[in-house]
Amino acid sequence: MIFSLIAGFVLGVGALVFASQNTQFVALTFLGWQFQSSLALLVIVSVGFGIVLSILATLPTAVSNHFRMRGLRKQNQNLVAEVEAQRQAQAAAAPAEEITEREVDLHQ
């Protein structure tokens, strides 16, 4: 968490330094639209757009992994409960087996 805050702070300071040093205006033409804005603003908006696209590209995998992990946790809980039930069944059956063996020894 602290690393994320430090990284965000460093990136923010870097963006401010970049914006203060690149104040000249440039023209950008895209699909028939023409924009004129400062170079810093265009670069920062482009980087932000790239970050948003990256997050959207990884979102399906993250959601899929979340549901898979939830299913595996539930399966793990069921298996732990099953093992505990088996242990209790063995513990309950063990004294009965010992008595049966003793009775066999006494009768011989």
Protein backbone atom coordinates (compact mmCIF):
# COMPACT_ATOMS: atom_id res chain seq x y z
CA MET A 1 0.00 0.00 0.00
CA ILE A 2 2.72 2.47 0.92
CA PHE A 3 4.60 1.58 -2.27
CA SER A 4 1.51 2.46 -4.32
CA LEU A 5 1.22 5.83 -2.62
CA ILE A 6 4.89 6.63 -3.16
CA ALA A 7 4.72 5.52 -6.81
CA GLY A 8 1.61 7.66 -7.37
CA PHE A 9 3.27 10.65 -5.76
CA VAL A 10 6.40 10.26 -7.90
CA LEU A 11 4.30 9.93 -11.06
CA GLY A 12 2.25 12.97 -10.12
CA VAL A 13 5.34 15.09 -9.53
CA GLY A 14 6.80 13.84 -12.81
CA ALA A 15 3.61 14.83 -14.66
CA LEU A 16 3.67 18.30 -13.12
CA VAL A 17 7.32 18.81 -14.08
CA PHE A 18 6.58 17.56 -17.60
CA ALA A 19 3.56 19.86 -17.95
CA SER A 20 5.48 22.90 -16.75
CA GLN A 21 8.30 22.30 -19.25
CA ASN A 22 6.12 21.55 -22.30
CA THR A 23 3.72 24.46 -22.68
CA GLN A 24 3.90 24.85 -26.47
CA PHE A 25 0.75 24.19 -28.47
CA VAL A 26 0.51 21.39 -31.02
CA ALA A 27 -2.16 20.37 -33.52
CA LEU A 28 -3.53 16.84 -33.45
CA THR A 29 -5.65 15.46 -36.27
CA PHE A 30 -7.62 12.26 -35.67
CA LEU A 31 -10.37 10.88 -37.93
CA GLY A 32 -11.11 14.28 -39.41
CA TRP A 33 -11.13 16.08 -36.07
CA GLN A 34 -8.43 18.60 -35.36
CA PHE A 35 -7.41 19.58 -31.86
CA GLN A 36 -5.00 22.22 -30.67
CA SER A 37 -3.78 21.87 -27.15
CA SER A 38 -0.61 21.96 -25.13
CA LEU A 39 1.78 19.08 -25.68
CA ALA A 40 1.76 18.20 -21.99
CA LEU A 41 -2.02 17.94 -21.85
CA LEU A 42 -2.15 15.69 -24.92
CA VAL A 43 0.57 13.40 -23.58
CA ILE A 44 -0.99 13.16 -20.12
CA VAL A 45 -4.45 12.46 -21.58
CA SER A 46 -2.93 9.82 -23.88
CA VAL A 47 -1.19 8.12 -20.96
CA GLY A 48 -4.41 8.22 -18.92
CA PHE A 49 -6.33 6.73 -21.85
CA GLY A 50 -3.72 3.97 -22.10
CA ILE A 51 -4.04 3.21 -18.39
CA VAL A 52 -7.82 2.98 -18.67
CA LEU A 53 -7.57 0.66 -21.69
CA SER A 54 -5.05 -1.54 -19.84
CA ILE A 55 -7.36 -1.84 -16.85
CA LEU A 56 -10.30 -2.68 -19.10
CA ALA A 57 -8.21 -5.30 -20.93
CA THR A 58 -7.27 -7.07 -17.69
CA LEU A 59 -10.74 -6.83 -16.14
CA PRO A 60 -12.20 -10.04 -17.67
CA THR A 61 -9.24 -12.09 -16.46
CA ALA A 62 -9.46 -10.56 -12.99
CA VAL A 63 -13.20 -11.30 -12.73
CA SER A 64 -12.67 -14.86 -13.99
CA ASN A 65 -9.87 -15.43 -11.47
CA HIS A 66 -12.05 -14.04 -8.67
CA PHE A 67 -14.87 -16.51 -9.39
CA ARG A 68 -12.40 -19.38 -9.80
CA MET A 69 -10.76 -18.57 -6.44
CA ARG A 70 -14.15 -18.37 -4.76
CA GLY A 71 -15.06 -21.80 -6.14
CA LEU A 72 -11.74 -23.27 -5.02
CA ARG A 73 -12.15 -21.84 -1.51
CA LYS A 74 -15.61 -23.37 -1.28
CA GLN A 75 -14.25 -26.71 -2.52
CA ASN A 76 -11.45 -26.50 0.05
CA GLN A 77 -13.94 -25.88 2.86
CA ASN A 78 -16.01 -28.88 1.74
CA LEU A 79 -12.92 -31.09 1.66
CA VAL A 80 -11.83 -29.93 5.12
CA ALA A 81 -15.30 -30.70 6.46
CA GLU A 82 -15.19 -34.13 4.81
CA VAL A 83 -11.78 -34.92 6.33
CA GLU A 84 -13.01 -33.82 9.75
CA ALA A 85 -16.08 -36.05 9.43
CA GLN A 86 -13.84 -39.00 8.47
CA ARG A 87 -11.61 -38.36 11.49
CA GLN A 88 -14.60 -38.25 13.81
CA ALA A 89 -15.95 -41.45 12.29
CA GLN A 90 -12.59 -43.17 12.77
CA ALA A 91 -12.34 -41.91 16.34
CA ALA A 92 -15.82 -43.25 17.10
CA ALA A 93 -15.10 -46.60 15.43
CA ALA A 94 -11.67 -47.12 17.06
CA PRO A 95 -12.92 -47.89 20.62
CA ALA A 96 -15.51 -50.33 19.28
CA GLU A 97 -12.80 -52.18 17.36
CA GLU A 98 -10.59 -52.35 20.49
CA ILE A 99 -13.44 -53.82 22.53
CA THR A 100 -14.13 -56.41 19.86
CA GLU A 101 -10.47 -57.44 19.81
CA ARG A 102 -10.42 -57.69 23.64
CA GLU A 103 -13.53 -59.84 23.62
CA VAL A 104 -11.93 -62.13 21.06
CA ASP A 105 -8.80 -62.43 23.23
CA LEU A 106 -10.87 -63.18 26.36
CA HIS A 107 -12.86 -65.90 24.65
CA GLN A 108 -9.75 -67.71 23.47
